[in-house]
């Protein structure tokens, strides 16, 4: 099964393409993206983008990682990225996302997170989806809450960033909670 293209009201979540390398580098190379995420390296080079895209071009095997470029319908170009790291045996996944700095504050990340939760539960049949954020980046936690997730745990000194161990907060949503969470966020 090839990775699908997912659509929301304002966004297209699609597999990355080789021609995305330059735009990906421009967006994800911003210091603010590096500073607020746990795993994105800095500086981020075109070669890194090309390697990432090549690795993610065909994700047809079960499990593994599903990476999507986030494209704005109105602009017709890449504005961010998202993905699920899937543990197929245990039917769970870890959700990750980032949006280019110029697109912060417009609800794109929440729209993305909601669609990725829908995809994970309805299309992939997952039982659990979790997501983590650096505690000093509460905006990411607000995205998770708006998408219907709830706090599960806090991990002190869990991530090494700028030579300092930082606290990480984890949110979660289970398949049994998904329909209720989806219905409640749609009425907000």
C-alpha atoms as a PDB file:
ATOM      1  CA  UNK A   1       0.000   0.000   0.000  1.00  0.00           C
ATOM      2  CA  UNK A   2       1.477   3.332  -1.066  1.00  0.00           C
ATOM      3  CA  UNK A   3       1.339   6.319   1.213  1.00  0.00           C
ATOM      4  CA  UNK A   4      -1.840   8.278   0.523  1.00  0.00           C
ATOM      5  CA  UNK A   5      -2.446  11.965   0.014  1.00  0.00           C
ATOM      6  CA  UNK A   6      -4.714  13.387   2.719  1.00  0.00           C
ATOM      7  CA  UNK A   7      -6.799  16.523   2.362  1.00  0.00           C
ATOM      8  CA  UNK A   8      -8.328  18.982   4.810  1.00  0.00           C
ATOM      9  CA  UNK A   9     -10.181  22.219   4.256  1.00  0.00           C
ATOM     10  CA  UNK A  10      -6.996  24.282   3.789  1.00  0.00           C
ATOM     11  CA  UNK A  11      -4.219  21.709   3.462  1.00  0.00           C
ATOM     12  CA  UNK A  12      -2.929  18.795   1.415  1.00  0.00           C
ATOM     13  CA  UNK A  13      -0.795  16.291   3.327  1.00  0.00           C
ATOM     14  CA  UNK A  14       1.184  14.462   0.688  1.00  0.00           C
ATOM     15  CA  UNK A  15       4.290  12.360   0.229  1.00  0.00           C
ATOM     16  CA  UNK A  16       7.411  14.450  -0.228  1.00  0.00           C
ATOM     17  CA  UNK A  17       8.757  14.857  -3.772  1.00  0.00           C
ATOM     18  CA  UNK A  18      12.373  15.466  -4.883  1.00  0.00           C
ATOM     19  CA  UNK A  19      11.461  19.007  -5.960  1.00  0.00           C
ATOM     20  CA  UNK A  20      10.580  19.825  -2.313  1.00  0.00           C
ATOM     21  CA  UNK A  21      14.242  19.773  -1.206  1.00  0.00           C
ATOM     22  CA  UNK A  22      14.994  23.497  -1.535  1.00  0.00           C
ATOM     23  CA  UNK A  23      11.724  24.644   0.049  1.00  0.00           C
ATOM     24  CA  UNK A  24      12.079  22.082   2.845  1.00  0.00           C
ATOM     25  CA  UNK A  25      15.573  23.390   3.571  1.00  0.00           C
ATOM     26  CA  UNK A  26      14.380  27.007   3.670  1.00  0.00           C
ATOM     27  CA  UNK A  27      11.522  26.279   6.067  1.00  0.00           C
ATOM     28  CA  UNK A  28      13.022  23.697   8.399  1.00  0.00           C
ATOM     29  CA  UNK A  29      16.414  25.433   8.465  1.00  0.00           C
ATOM     30  CA  UNK A  30      14.988  28.333  10.481  1.00  0.00           C
ATOM     31  CA  UNK A  31      16.574  28.524  13.933  1.00  0.00           C
ATOM     32  CA  UNK A  32      13.113  28.813  15.568  1.00  0.00           C
ATOM     33  CA  UNK A  33      12.115  25.419  14.140  1.00  0.00           C
ATOM     34  CA  UNK A  34      15.294  23.819  15.472  1.00  0.00           C
ATOM     35  CA  UNK A  35      14.909  25.548  18.836  1.00  0.00           C
ATOM     36  CA  UNK A  36      11.334  24.343  19.414  1.00  0.00           C
ATOM     37  CA  UNK A  37      11.671  20.741  18.212  1.00  0.00           C
ATOM     38  CA  UNK A  38      13.466  17.798  19.719  1.00  0.00           C
ATOM     39  CA  UNK A  39      14.984  16.049  16.695  1.00  0.00           C
ATOM     40  CA  UNK A  40      15.482  18.467  13.795  1.00  0.00           C
ATOM     41  CA  UNK A  41      19.185  19.266  13.241  1.00  0.00           C
ATOM     42  CA  UNK A  42      20.673  22.719  12.629  1.00  0.00           C
ATOM     43  CA  UNK A  43      22.000  23.820  10.267  1.00  0.00           C
ATOM     44  CA  UNK A  44      19.731  21.889   7.914  1.00  0.00           C
ATOM     45  CA  UNK A  45      21.256  21.501   4.454  1.00  0.00           C
ATOM     46  CA  UNK A  46      19.808  20.763   1.017  1.00  0.00           C
ATOM     47  CA  UNK A  47      21.706  17.462   1.111  1.00  0.00           C
ATOM     48  CA  UNK A  48      19.902  16.534   4.348  1.00  0.00           C
ATOM     49  CA  UNK A  49      16.578  17.407   2.724  1.00  0.00           C
ATOM     50  CA  UNK A  50      17.389  15.338  -0.365  1.00  0.00           C
ATOM     51  CA  UNK A  51      18.374  12.339   1.766  1.00  0.00           C
ATOM     52  CA  UNK A  52      15.228  12.669   3.917  1.00  0.00           C
ATOM     53  CA  UNK A  53      13.016  12.867   0.825  1.00  0.00           C
ATOM     54  CA  UNK A  54      14.746   9.914  -0.867  1.00  0.00           C
ATOM     55  CA  UNK A  55      14.301   7.828   2.286  1.00  0.00           C
ATOM     56  CA  UNK A  56      10.599   8.674   2.430  1.00  0.00           C
ATOM     57  CA  UNK A  57       9.650   8.413  -1.253  1.00  0.00           C
ATOM     58  CA  UNK A  58       8.173   4.914  -0.995  1.00  0.00           C
ATOM     59  CA  UNK A  59       6.807   4.004   2.387  1.00  0.00           C
ATOM     60  CA  UNK A  60       4.669   1.069   1.309  1.00  0.00           C
ATOM     61  CA  UNK A  61       5.875  -1.438   3.914  1.00  0.00           C
ATOM     62  CA  UNK A  62       3.766  -1.930   7.048  1.00  0.00           C
ATOM     63  CA  UNK A  63       4.893  -0.087  10.140  1.00  0.00           C
ATOM     64  CA  UNK A  64       7.844   2.233  10.000  1.00  0.00           C
ATOM     65  CA  UNK A  65       7.370   5.922   9.367  1.00  0.00           C
ATOM     66  CA  UNK A  66       4.824   7.830   7.299  1.00  0.00           C
ATOM     67  CA  UNK A  67       6.133  11.301   6.433  1.00  0.00           C
ATOM     68  CA  UNK A  68       3.947  13.931   4.785  1.00  0.00           C
ATOM     69  CA  UNK A  69       4.736  17.337   3.395  1.00  0.00           C
ATOM     70  CA  UNK A  70       2.100  19.890   4.392  1.00  0.00           C
ATOM     71  CA  UNK A  71       1.020  21.961   1.421  1.00  0.00           C
ATOM     72  CA  UNK A  72      -1.179  25.035   1.584  1.00  0.00           C
ATOM     73  CA  UNK A  73      -4.106  24.765  -0.837  1.00  0.00           C
ATOM     74  CA  UNK A  74      -4.185  28.550  -1.314  1.00  0.00           C
ATOM     75  CA  UNK A  75      -0.434  28.896  -1.992  1.00  0.00           C
ATOM     76  CA  UNK A  76       0.113  25.532  -3.649  1.00  0.00           C
ATOM     77  CA  UNK A  77       3.433  25.063  -1.887  1.00  0.00           C
ATOM     78  CA  UNK A  78       5.039  23.323   1.065  1.00  0.00           C
ATOM     79  CA  UNK A  79       4.533  25.013   4.467  1.00  0.00           C
ATOM     80  CA  UNK A  80       5.563  22.250   6.888  1.00  0.00           C
ATOM     81  CA  UNK A  81       5.798  18.562   7.614  1.00  0.00           C
ATOM     82  CA  UNK A  82       4.194  15.851   9.709  1.00  0.00           C
ATOM     83  CA  UNK A  83       4.504  12.143  10.269  1.00  0.00           C
ATOM     84  CA  UNK A  84       3.703   9.068  12.264  1.00  0.00           C
ATOM     85  CA  UNK A  85       6.381   6.726  13.552  1.00  0.00           C
ATOM     86  CA  UNK A  86       4.440   3.493  13.721  1.00  0.00           C
ATOM     87  CA  UNK A  87       4.894   0.490  15.981  1.00  0.00           C
ATOM     88  CA  UNK A  88       2.826  -1.959  13.933  1.00  0.00           C
ATOM     89  CA  UNK A  89       3.062  -4.868  16.384  1.00  0.00           C
ATOM     90  CA  UNK A  90       1.514  -2.835  19.201  1.00  0.00           C
ATOM     91  CA  UNK A  91      -0.775  -0.747  16.921  1.00  0.00           C
ATOM     92  CA  UNK A  92       0.534   2.569  18.215  1.00  0.00           C
ATOM     93  CA  UNK A  93       2.335   5.555  16.770  1.00  0.00           C
ATOM     94  CA  UNK A  94       4.140   8.726  17.714  1.00  0.00           C
ATOM     95  CA  UNK A  95       2.934  11.891  15.975  1.00  0.00           C
ATOM     96  CA  UNK A  96       5.313  14.657  14.967  1.00  0.00           C
ATOM     97  CA  UNK A  97       4.806  17.937  13.129  1.00  0.00           C
ATOM     98  CA  UNK A  98       6.341  21.305  12.344  1.00  0.00           C
ATOM     99  CA  UNK A  99       5.130  24.362  10.437  1.00  0.00           C
ATOM    100  CA  UNK A 100       7.258  27.083   8.846  1.00  0.00           C
ATOM    101  CA  UNK A 101       7.593  30.111  11.127  1.00  0.00           C
ATOM    102  CA  UNK A 102       5.730  32.459   8.774  1.00  0.00           C
ATOM    103  CA  UNK A 103       2.696  30.130   9.092  1.00  0.00           C
ATOM    104  CA  UNK A 104       2.584  29.991  12.903  1.00  0.00           C
ATOM    105  CA  UNK A 105      -0.621  31.143  14.557  1.00  0.00           C
ATOM    106  CA  UNK A 106      -2.998  30.318  11.687  1.00  0.00           C
ATOM    107  CA  UNK A 107      -4.305  26.954  12.949  1.00  0.00           C
ATOM    108  CA  UNK A 108      -2.470  24.902  10.307  1.00  0.00           C
ATOM    109  CA  UNK A 109      -0.743  22.721  12.876  1.00  0.00           C
ATOM    110  CA  UNK A 110      -3.994  21.889  14.663  1.00  0.00           C
ATOM    111  CA  UNK A 111      -5.665  21.106  11.328  1.00  0.00           C
ATOM    112  CA  UNK A 112      -2.724  18.847  10.492  1.00  0.00           C
ATOM    113  CA  UNK A 113      -2.754  17.068  13.875  1.00  0.00           C
ATOM    114  CA  UNK A 114      -6.494  16.394  13.633  1.00  0.00           C
ATOM    115  CA  UNK A 115      -6.116  14.851  10.190  1.00  0.00           C
ATOM    116  CA  UNK A 116      -3.143  12.740  11.253  1.00  0.00           C
ATOM    117  CA  UNK A 117      -5.142  11.407  14.218  1.00  0.00           C
ATOM    118  CA  UNK A 118      -8.043  10.582  11.890  1.00  0.00           C
ATOM    119  CA  UNK A 119      -5.654   8.863   9.471  1.00  0.00           C
ATOM    120  CA  UNK A 120      -4.000   6.882  12.251  1.00  0.00           C
ATOM    121  CA  UNK A 121      -7.199   5.648  13.852  1.00  0.00           C
ATOM    122  CA  UNK A 122      -9.549   5.304  10.883  1.00  0.00           C
ATOM    123  CA  UNK A 123      -7.210   4.347   8.031  1.00  0.00           C
ATOM    124  CA  UNK A 124      -4.383   2.559   9.838  1.00  0.00           C
ATOM    125  CA  UNK A 125      -6.422   1.009  12.661  1.00  0.00           C
ATOM    126  CA  UNK A 126      -4.085   2.199  15.395  1.00  0.00           C
ATOM    127  CA  UNK A 127      -5.061   1.905  19.062  1.00  0.00           C
ATOM    128  CA  UNK A 128      -2.881   4.666  20.513  1.00  0.00           C
ATOM    129  CA  UNK A 129      -1.211   7.825  19.208  1.00  0.00           C
ATOM    130  CA  UNK A 130       1.129   9.857  21.379  1.00  0.00           C
ATOM    131  CA  UNK A 131       2.999  13.098  20.813  1.00  0.00           C
ATOM    132  CA  UNK A 132       5.702  14.917  22.782  1.00  0.00           C
ATOM    133  CA  UNK A 133       6.890  18.496  23.077  1.00  0.00           C
ATOM    134  CA  UNK A 134       9.562  20.427  24.922  1.00  0.00           C
ATOM    135  CA  UNK A 135       7.878  21.784  28.058  1.00  0.00           C
ATOM    136  CA  UNK A 136       9.097  25.303  27.277  1.00  0.00           C
ATOM    137  CA  UNK A 137       7.104  25.164  24.015  1.00  0.00           C
ATOM    138  CA  UNK A 138       3.521  25.122  25.375  1.00  0.00           C
ATOM    139  CA  UNK A 139       2.111  26.183  21.974  1.00  0.00           C
ATOM    140  CA  UNK A 140       2.727  22.622  20.786  1.00  0.00           C
ATOM    141  CA  UNK A 141       0.775  21.288  23.771  1.00  0.00           C
ATOM    142  CA  UNK A 142      -2.117  23.606  22.904  1.00  0.00           C
ATOM    143  CA  UNK A 143      -2.134  22.127  19.393  1.00  0.00           C
ATOM    144  CA  UNK A 144      -2.370  18.631  20.852  1.00  0.00           C
ATOM    145  CA  UNK A 145      -5.194  19.635  23.210  1.00  0.00           C
ATOM    146  CA  UNK A 146      -7.131  21.347  20.395  1.00  0.00           C
ATOM    147  CA  UNK A 147      -6.749  18.171  18.330  1.00  0.00           C
ATOM    148  CA  UNK A 148      -8.375  16.188  21.155  1.00  0.00           C
ATOM    149  CA  UNK A 149      -5.317  14.706  22.847  1.00  0.00           C
ATOM    150  CA  UNK A 150      -4.772  14.813  26.611  1.00  0.00           C
ATOM    151  CA  UNK A 151      -1.686  15.060  28.837  1.00  0.00           C
ATOM    152  CA  UNK A 152      -0.295  11.691  29.835  1.00  0.00           C
ATOM    153  CA  UNK A 153       3.142  12.163  31.346  1.00  0.00           C
ATOM    154  CA  UNK A 154       6.016  14.530  31.952  1.00  0.00           C
ATOM    155  CA  UNK A 155       9.613  13.386  31.562  1.00  0.00           C
ATOM    156  CA  UNK A 156      12.151  15.534  33.455  1.00  0.00           C
ATOM    157  CA  UNK A 157      15.483  16.162  31.708  1.00  0.00           C
ATOM    158  CA  UNK A 158      14.443  13.919  28.801  1.00  0.00           C
ATOM    159  CA  UNK A 159      15.835  15.766  25.777  1.00  0.00           C
ATOM    160  CA  UNK A 160      19.289  17.277  25.325  1.00  0.00           C
ATOM    161  CA  UNK A 161      18.974  20.655  23.580  1.00  0.00           C
ATOM    162  CA  UNK A 162      21.702  23.308  23.365  1.00  0.00           C
ATOM    163  CA  UNK A 163      23.734  21.265  25.853  1.00  0.00           C
ATOM    164  CA  UNK A 164      20.949  21.383  28.473  1.00  0.00           C
ATOM    165  CA  UNK A 165      18.608  18.567  29.446  1.00  0.00           C
ATOM    166  CA  UNK A 166      15.016  19.704  29.020  1.00  0.00           C
ATOM    167  CA  UNK A 167      11.700  18.448  30.301  1.00  0.00           C
ATOM    168  CA  UNK A 168       9.343  16.849  27.792  1.00  0.00           C
ATOM    169  CA  UNK A 169       5.552  16.521  28.057  1.00  0.00           C
ATOM    170  CA  UNK A 170       3.654  13.691  26.380  1.00  0.00           C
ATOM    171  CA  UNK A 171       0.043  13.774  25.212  1.00  0.00           C
ATOM    172  CA  UNK A 172      -1.980  10.757  24.091  1.00  0.00           C
ATOM    173  CA  UNK A 173      -5.221   9.707  22.453  1.00  0.00           C
ATOM    174  CA  UNK A 174      -6.680   6.198  22.223  1.00  0.00           C
ATOM    175  CA  UNK A 175      -8.931   4.814  19.503  1.00  0.00           C
ATOM    176  CA  UNK A 176     -11.716   4.401  22.072  1.00  0.00           C
ATOM    177  CA  UNK A 177     -11.512   8.151  22.820  1.00  0.00           C
ATOM    178  CA  UNK A 178     -11.113   9.316  19.233  1.00  0.00           C
ATOM    179  CA  UNK A 179     -14.757   9.660  18.173  1.00  0.00           C
ATOM    180  CA  UNK A 180     -15.608  11.587  21.341  1.00  0.00           C
ATOM    181  CA  UNK A 181     -12.541  13.839  20.956  1.00  0.00           C
ATOM    182  CA  UNK A 182     -13.265  14.434  17.260  1.00  0.00           C
ATOM    183  CA  UNK A 183     -16.893  15.366  17.941  1.00  0.00           C
ATOM    184  CA  UNK A 184     -15.983  17.710  20.809  1.00  0.00           C
ATOM    185  CA  UNK A 185     -13.263  19.598  18.893  1.00  0.00           C
ATOM    186  CA  UNK A 186     -15.528  20.033  15.874  1.00  0.00           C
ATOM    187  CA  UNK A 187     -18.007  21.923  18.066  1.00  0.00           C
ATOM    188  CA  UNK A 188     -15.397  24.326  19.473  1.00  0.00           C
END
